[in-house]
Amino acid sequence: MIQTNASKIFNLVGAEAVLTEAADLRKYLTGISTSFGYVLSDENGSTFYTDTRYLEGATNALKGSEITVKKYEKLEDILKPYKQIAIPVNRTLYNDYLKFKSFGLEIVDSTPAFVSAMAVKEDYELALIERACSIADRALISLLDSIKEGMSENDVAAQLEFLMRKFGANGTSFETIVAFGENSSVPHHETGMRKLKFGDVILIDYGCKYGGYCSDCTRTFLFGDDKKHEDFKKAYASVLQAHNLVKEQVTCGNTGAEADAVARDYLKKQGLDIYFTHSLGHGIGINVHEFPMLSPKSKDVLLNGMVFSDEPGVYLEGEFGIRIEDSVTLDEGKVVSLTDTDRKLTVL
């Protein structure tokens, strides 16, 4: 049976009723992915209102669960019995907010309940993320032998995405980033037609979804060793050490800022911190970017059961970039990696 979380959120919010439209939050509540619908929960249970595109599939998927499926008709009629409604205010369009107010409803914000509930994963959620990580690992390993000189960034990205689908993924977590040579110095490079040459750095940032949950991983390689990359190799060793120190030192109860500082302070000692231009990491779940944030100013507290990225990097403009990223979780106070391909510098 599909796992659902509608009653969990209703109990956390404590309002008369909870109404949820945002697609990712709807997915969290129902366990199924749809492009339209509302989940309404009150003391009598939960109902998923959707249109005819999803009615049959949702009814079959949610049979025997806590959620009843009904055809959507008119929002005002659905909400007529209530005086108070909880919505995720920061995910609600202003016009929709005004519409709810025009119905005479008291508005409660359900966002904090979603953030806290989604941040700490249930066992089934961890299992889905682990599977997404395993698929991504397998796809990358299968890809590496097929990378040849003259291939474009797009060629490599397409092959990797095909392999993730082949091995069971139901989509990518985000647009796959493949960056060759100087393009790797742009942290979020837009994969293009740059062709691979001997001696190029290759940076691949990729992830897939399984059961609606994401994986996120980055590996950086050399395509042939032209003996002109000594600075790159030294920087790579420093980034890898920063990555590993996070796994060794971060524990339950640390803030996101404290976790970020483990990597950033080490890179500062190596004279590389000015090239570490993004945060250490972010939460991972149904969305590839979720709570908590691991950044220099983050006060988010890391707890057992959270899943987040460990991704220090350095980027020398116009020269090269390096990022080493794993999806990790906190288990009994210790960081445990969910992605497991080799992190040592590999020359393809």
Protein backbone atom coordinates (compact mmCIF):
# COMPACT_ATOMS: atom_id res chain seq x y z
CA MET A 1 0.00 0.00 0.00
CA ILE A 2 1.18 3.55 -0.73
CA GLN A 3 2.40 5.40 2.37
CA THR A 4 0.38 8.54 3.14
CA ASN A 5 0.97 11.41 5.56
CA ALA A 6 -2.26 13.41 5.52
CA SER A 7 -3.31 12.61 9.08
CA LYS A 8 0.24 13.19 10.30
CA ILE A 9 0.24 16.74 8.94
CA PHE A 10 -3.30 17.43 10.14
CA ASN A 11 -2.35 16.46 13.70
CA LEU A 12 0.81 18.60 13.57
CA VAL A 13 -0.99 21.69 12.28
CA GLY A 14 -3.86 21.60 14.78
CA ALA A 15 -6.26 23.67 12.65
CA GLU A 16 -9.90 22.88 11.90
CA ALA A 17 -8.91 21.72 8.41
CA VAL A 18 -5.78 21.56 6.26
CA LEU A 19 -5.91 22.26 2.52
CA THR A 20 -2.90 21.45 0.32
CA GLU A 21 -2.46 22.18 -3.39
CA ALA A 22 1.32 22.41 -4.03
CA ALA A 23 2.39 19.39 -6.11
CA ASP A 24 5.33 18.32 -3.92
CA LEU A 25 3.36 18.68 -0.70
CA ARG A 26 0.46 16.82 -2.28
CA LYS A 27 2.90 14.05 -3.21
CA TYR A 28 4.07 13.91 0.41
CA LEU A 29 0.49 13.60 1.65
CA THR A 30 -0.81 11.11 -0.91
CA GLY A 31 2.29 9.20 -2.02
CA ILE A 32 1.36 9.72 -5.69
CA SER A 33 2.47 12.33 -8.24
CA THR A 34 -0.22 14.46 -9.88
CA SER A 35 -0.27 17.85 -11.62
CA PHE A 36 -3.61 18.91 -10.17
CA GLY A 37 -5.60 18.40 -7.03
CA TYR A 38 -6.33 19.42 -3.44
CA VAL A 39 -5.93 17.35 -0.29
CA LEU A 40 -8.35 18.34 2.45
CA SER A 41 -7.96 16.92 5.96
CA ASP A 42 -10.13 17.42 9.01
CA GLU A 43 -11.07 15.48 12.13
CA ASN A 44 -13.14 13.06 10.03
CA GLY A 45 -10.30 12.09 7.67
CA SER A 46 -8.71 13.17 4.39
CA THR A 47 -9.99 13.55 0.85
CA PHE A 48 -8.03 13.99 -2.37
CA TYR A 49 -10.02 16.06 -4.86
CA THR A 50 -8.74 15.76 -8.42
CA ASP A 51 -9.93 15.79 -12.02
CA THR A 52 -10.74 12.96 -14.43
CA ARG A 53 -7.12 12.60 -15.58
CA TYR A 54 -6.16 11.17 -12.19
CA LEU A 55 -9.44 9.95 -10.74
CA GLU A 56 -9.11 6.28 -11.68
CA GLY A 57 -5.39 6.00 -10.98
CA ALA A 58 -5.62 7.81 -7.66
CA THR A 59 -8.62 5.74 -6.56
CA ASN A 60 -6.76 2.51 -7.28
CA ALA A 61 -3.50 3.70 -5.71
CA LEU A 62 -5.13 4.99 -2.52
CA LYS A 63 -7.58 2.12 -2.04
CA GLY A 64 -7.42 0.98 1.59
CA SER A 65 -5.46 4.05 2.70
CA GLU A 66 -6.55 6.89 4.97
CA ILE A 67 -7.37 9.08 1.93
CA THR A 68 -10.66 9.05 0.01
CA VAL A 69 -10.61 10.17 -3.64
CA LYS A 70 -13.35 12.39 -5.07
CA LYS A 71 -13.85 14.37 -8.27
CA TYR A 72 -13.05 18.05 -7.90
CA GLU A 73 -15.98 20.36 -8.45
CA LYS A 74 -15.75 23.80 -6.82
CA LEU A 75 -13.34 24.97 -4.11
CA GLU A 76 -15.84 27.29 -2.42
CA ASP A 77 -18.27 24.39 -1.92
CA ILE A 78 -15.53 22.12 -0.56
CA LEU A 79 -14.56 24.73 2.04
CA LYS A 80 -18.08 25.84 2.96
CA PRO A 81 -18.28 23.75 6.19
CA TYR A 82 -15.20 25.42 7.73
CA LYS A 83 -14.40 28.64 9.54
CA GLN A 84 -10.66 28.00 9.71
CA ILE A 85 -8.30 26.54 7.09
CA ALA A 86 -4.56 25.84 7.14
CA ILE A 87 -2.58 26.40 3.94
CA PRO A 88 1.18 26.62 3.23
CA VAL A 89 1.22 30.41 3.09
CA ASN A 90 4.64 30.79 1.47
CA ARG A 91 3.59 28.40 -1.30
CA THR A 92 0.25 30.09 -1.97
CA LEU A 93 -0.29 32.69 -4.70
CA TYR A 94 -1.50 36.03 -3.37
CA ASN A 95 -4.69 35.88 -5.45
CA ASP A 96 -5.48 32.45 -4.00
CA TYR A 97 -4.83 33.75 -0.50
CA LEU A 98 -7.28 36.60 -1.13
CA LYS A 99 -9.81 34.07 -2.45
CA PHE A 100 -9.62 32.06 0.79
CA LYS A 101 -10.07 35.26 2.79
CA SER A 102 -13.10 36.17 0.64
CA PHE A 103 -14.70 32.90 1.74
CA GLY A 104 -14.63 34.28 5.29
CA LEU A 105 -11.99 31.79 6.41
CA GLU A 106 -9.43 32.28 9.17
CA ILE A 107 -6.03 31.39 7.67
CA VAL A 108 -3.44 29.28 9.52
CA ASP A 109 0.03 28.57 8.09
CA SER A 110 0.74 24.85 7.59
CA THR A 111 4.30 25.44 6.33
CA PRO A 112 6.10 24.75 9.66
CA ALA A 113 4.37 21.39 9.98
CA PHE A 114 5.44 20.35 6.49
CA VAL A 115 9.02 21.52 7.01
CA SER A 116 9.50 19.64 10.28
CA ALA A 117 7.72 16.47 9.09
CA MET A 118 9.47 16.27 5.72
CA ALA A 119 12.93 17.01 7.13
CA VAL A 120 13.14 13.85 9.26
CA LYS A 121 12.57 10.83 7.06
CA GLU A 122 10.47 7.81 7.91
CA ASP A 123 12.03 4.39 7.27
CA TYR A 124 10.15 3.98 4.00
CA GLU A 125 11.38 7.38 2.79
CA LEU A 126 14.98 6.49 3.60
CA ALA A 127 14.55 3.22 1.70
CA LEU A 128 13.32 5.09 -1.39
CA ILE A 129 16.19 7.59 -1.23
CA GLU A 130 18.71 4.77 -0.77
CA ARG A 131 17.28 3.09 -3.85
CA ALA A 132 17.53 6.33 -5.84
CA CYS A 133 21.16 6.65 -4.74
CA SER A 134 21.92 3.04 -5.66
CA ILE A 135 20.46 3.51 -9.14
CA ALA A 136 22.49 6.70 -9.65
CA ASP A 137 25.68 4.94 -8.50
CA ARG A 138 25.10 2.02 -10.85
CA ALA A 139 24.38 4.33 -13.78
CA LEU A 140 27.57 6.35 -13.29
CA ILE A 141 29.73 3.24 -13.04
CA SER A 142 28.16 1.92 -16.25
CA LEU A 143 28.69 5.26 -17.98
CA LEU A 144 32.41 5.79 -17.38
CA ASP A 145 33.80 3.24 -19.84
CA SER A 146 31.66 4.72 -22.63
CA ILE A 147 33.03 8.28 -22.30
CA LYS A 148 35.17 8.96 -25.38
CA GLU A 149 37.05 11.91 -26.84
CA GLY A 150 34.80 13.97 -29.12
CA MET A 151 31.61 13.32 -27.16
CA SER A 152 29.68 16.44 -26.21
CA GLU A 153 28.49 17.32 -22.73
CA ASN A 154 24.97 16.65 -23.99
CA ASP A 155 26.01 13.19 -25.22
CA VAL A 156 27.31 12.22 -21.78
CA ALA A 157 24.29 13.66 -19.96
CA ALA A 158 21.87 11.83 -22.27
CA GLN A 159 23.66 8.52 -21.79
CA LEU A 160 23.69 8.91 -18.01
CA GLU A 161 20.00 9.77 -17.91
CA PHE A 162 19.20 6.78 -20.13
CA LEU A 163 21.12 4.49 -17.79
CA MET A 164 19.36 5.82 -14.69
CA ARG A 165 16.01 5.15 -16.38
CA LYS A 166 17.20 1.74 -17.54
CA PHE A 167 18.11 0.77 -13.98
CA GLY A 168 14.74 1.77 -12.53
CA ALA A 169 14.61 5.54 -12.01
CA ASN A 170 11.32 7.28 -12.71
CA GLY A 171 12.97 10.59 -13.57
CA THR A 172 15.92 12.85 -12.83
CA SER A 173 16.18 14.89 -9.64
CA PHE A 174 17.19 17.96 -11.66
CA GLU A 175 18.72 18.83 -15.02
CA THR A 176 21.92 16.79 -15.27
CA ILE A 177 25.08 18.92 -15.27
CA VAL A 178 28.01 17.75 -17.38
CA ALA A 179 30.87 20.25 -17.64
CA PHE A 180 34.10 19.73 -19.59
CA GLY A 181 37.34 21.65 -19.08
CA GLU A 182 36.92 25.34 -18.32
CA ASN A 183 33.13 24.89 -18.08
CA SER A 184 33.61 23.04 -14.80
CA SER A 185 34.49 26.35 -13.12
CA VAL A 186 30.80 27.36 -13.35
CA PRO A 187 29.10 25.60 -10.39
CA HIS A 188 25.74 25.31 -12.18
CA HIS A 189 26.97 25.13 -15.76
CA GLU A 190 24.31 24.60 -18.42
CA THR A 191 25.19 21.36 -20.19
CA GLY A 192 25.89 22.06 -23.86
CA MET A 193 27.77 21.00 -26.97
CA ARG A 194 31.36 21.51 -25.74
CA LYS A 195 33.30 18.45 -26.97
CA LEU A 196 35.61 16.38 -24.78
CA LYS A 197 39.36 16.67 -25.31
CA PHE A 198 42.31 14.78 -23.85
CA GLY A 199 43.35 16.36 -20.55
CA ASP A 200 39.93 17.86 -19.78
CA VAL A 201 38.40 18.01 -16.33
CA ILE A 202 34.94 16.36 -16.32
CA LEU A 203 32.42 17.41 -13.66
CA ILE A 204 29.14 15.47 -13.50
CA ASP A 205 26.36 16.55 -11.13
CA TYR A 206 23.45 14.14 -11.39
CA GLY A 207 20.65 12.41 -9.53
CA CYS A 208 17.49 10.44 -10.11
CA LYS A 209 14.11 9.87 -8.53
CA TYR A 210 12.77 6.57 -7.29
CA GLY A 211 9.26 6.40 -5.85
CA GLY A 212 9.23 10.19 -6.05
CA TYR A 213 12.32 10.66 -3.84
CA CYS A 214 15.62 12.17 -4.99
CA SER A 215 19.30 11.34 -5.01
CA ASP A 216 22.05 13.91 -5.60
CA CYS A 217 25.70 13.21 -6.38
CA THR A 218 28.66 14.94 -8.02
CA ARG A 219 31.94 13.44 -9.20
CA THR A 220 34.90 15.14 -10.86
CA PHE A 221 37.35 13.31 -13.14
CA LEU A 222 40.32 13.87 -15.42
CA PHE A 223 40.01 12.62 -18.99
CA GLY A 224 43.56 11.50 -19.55
CA ASP A 225 46.52 12.88 -17.63
CA ASP A 226 48.42 15.44 -19.69
CA LYS A 227 50.73 16.21 -16.74
CA LYS A 228 49.48 19.80 -16.74
CA HIS A 229 47.08 19.51 -13.83
CA GLU A 230 49.21 19.63 -10.69
CA ASP A 231 47.24 22.57 -9.25
CA PHE A 232 44.01 20.73 -10.02
CA LYS A 233 45.26 17.56 -8.30
CA LYS A 234 46.28 19.46 -5.16
CA ALA A 235 42.94 21.24 -5.04
CA TYR A 236 41.12 17.96 -5.59
CA ALA A 237 42.90 16.40 -2.60
CA SER A 238 41.86 19.37 -0.45
CA VAL A 239 38.21 19.20 -1.54
CA LEU A 240 38.15 15.45 -0.87
CA GLN A 241 39.60 15.99 2.61
CA ALA A 242 37.01 18.70 3.33
CA HIS A 243 34.28 16.31 2.16
CA ASN A 244 35.59 13.53 4.40
CA LEU A 245 35.98 15.79 7.44
CA VAL A 246 32.27 16.61 7.25
CA LYS A 247 31.49 12.90 7.45
CA GLU A 248 33.86 12.46 10.37
CA GLN A 249 32.94 15.50 12.45
CA VAL A 250 29.32 16.52 11.82
CA THR A 251 26.88 15.05 14.30
CA CYS A 252 23.29 15.29 15.48
CA GLY A 253 22.66 18.68 17.09
CA ASN A 254 25.07 20.64 14.90
CA THR A 255 23.67 23.63 13.07
CA GLY A 256 23.94 23.99 9.32
CA ALA A 257 26.50 26.76 9.89
CA GLU A 258 28.65 24.50 12.08
CA ALA A 259 28.58 21.76 9.45
CA ASP A 260 29.48 24.22 6.69
CA ALA A 261 32.38 25.53 8.79
CA VAL A 262 33.98 22.07 9.00
CA ALA A 263 34.63 22.11 5.24
CA ARG A 264 35.09 25.86 4.84
CA ASP A 265 37.63 26.21 7.66
CA TYR A 266 39.73 23.37 6.24
CA LEU A 267 39.70 24.89 2.76
CA LYS A 268 40.69 28.24 4.29
CA LYS A 269 43.81 26.61 5.70
CA GLN A 270 44.64 25.48 2.17
CA GLY A 271 44.04 28.98 0.77
CA LEU A 272 41.02 27.76 -1.18
CA ASP A 273 38.05 29.10 0.77
CA ILE A 274 37.63 32.09 -1.55
CA TYR A 275 36.91 29.60 -4.35
CA PHE A 276 34.25 27.76 -2.32
CA THR A 277 31.40 29.89 -3.61
CA HIS A 278 28.31 27.99 -2.49
CA SER A 279 26.97 26.34 0.64
CA LEU A 280 28.08 22.94 1.90
CA GLY A 281 24.72 21.29 1.37
CA HIS A 282 20.94 21.11 1.47
CA GLY A 283 18.22 18.73 2.53
CA ILE A 284 17.09 16.04 0.09
CA GLY A 285 13.75 14.28 -0.15
CA ILE A 286 10.78 14.61 -2.49
CA ASN A 287 12.54 17.80 -3.61
CA VAL A 288 16.25 17.86 -4.31
CA HIS A 289 16.51 21.07 -2.24
CA GLU A 290 14.72 20.93 1.08
CA PHE A 291 15.22 21.79 4.75
CA PRO A 292 17.83 21.85 6.31
CA MET A 293 20.33 24.23 4.76
CA LEU A 294 24.04 23.73 5.49
CA SER A 295 25.38 27.22 4.88
CA PRO A 296 27.52 29.81 6.69
CA LYS A 297 24.52 31.50 8.32
CA SER A 298 22.17 28.55 8.74
CA LYS A 299 20.68 27.99 12.19
CA ASP A 300 18.91 24.82 11.06
CA VAL A 301 19.60 21.99 13.49
CA LEU A 302 20.69 18.65 12.03
CA LEU A 303 18.80 15.66 13.43
CA ASN A 304 18.92 11.90 13.08
CA GLY A 305 16.89 10.80 10.06
CA MET A 306 17.59 13.90 8.01
CA VAL A 307 19.04 13.45 4.51
CA PHE A 308 21.27 16.15 3.06
CA SER A 309 24.19 16.71 0.70
CA ASP A 310 27.87 16.98 1.57
CA GLU A 311 29.27 18.91 -1.40
CA PRO A 312 32.28 21.16 -0.88
CA GLY A 313 33.75 22.56 -4.06
CA VAL A 314 36.29 25.02 -5.45
CA TYR A 315 35.99 26.91 -8.74
CA LEU A 316 38.82 28.80 -10.45
CA GLU A 317 37.22 30.99 -13.09
CA GLY A 318 38.09 29.96 -16.63
CA GLU A 319 40.35 27.13 -15.44
CA PHE A 320 38.62 24.30 -13.61
CA GLY A 321 36.08 23.40 -10.97
CA ILE A 322 35.90 20.54 -8.48
CA ARG A 323 32.90 19.30 -6.54
CA ILE A 324 32.62 16.06 -4.60
CA GLU A 325 29.08 15.40 -3.42
CA ASP A 326 27.29 12.59 -1.64
CA SER A 327 23.74 12.26 -0.40
CA VAL A 328 24.11 11.43 3.30
CA THR A 329 21.94 10.84 6.34
CA LEU A 330 22.42 11.13 10.09
CA ASP A 331 22.06 7.80 11.86
CA GLU A 332 22.69 7.55 15.61
CA GLY A 333 24.50 10.86 15.48
CA LYS A 334 26.88 9.91 12.68
CA VAL A 335 26.98 10.83 9.00
CA VAL A 336 26.31 7.82 6.76
CA SER A 337 26.77 8.10 2.99
CA LEU A 338 23.94 6.90 0.75
CA THR A 339 25.90 7.40 -2.50
CA ASP A 340 28.95 5.22 -2.74
CA THR A 341 30.91 5.53 -5.98
CA ASP A 342 34.68 6.08 -5.68
CA ARG A 343 35.59 9.58 -4.51
CA LYS A 344 39.34 9.37 -5.15
CA LEU A 345 40.55 11.16 -8.25
CA THR A 346 39.95 8.91 -11.24
CA VAL A 347 41.68 9.42 -14.58
CA LEU A 348 39.43 8.10 -17.33
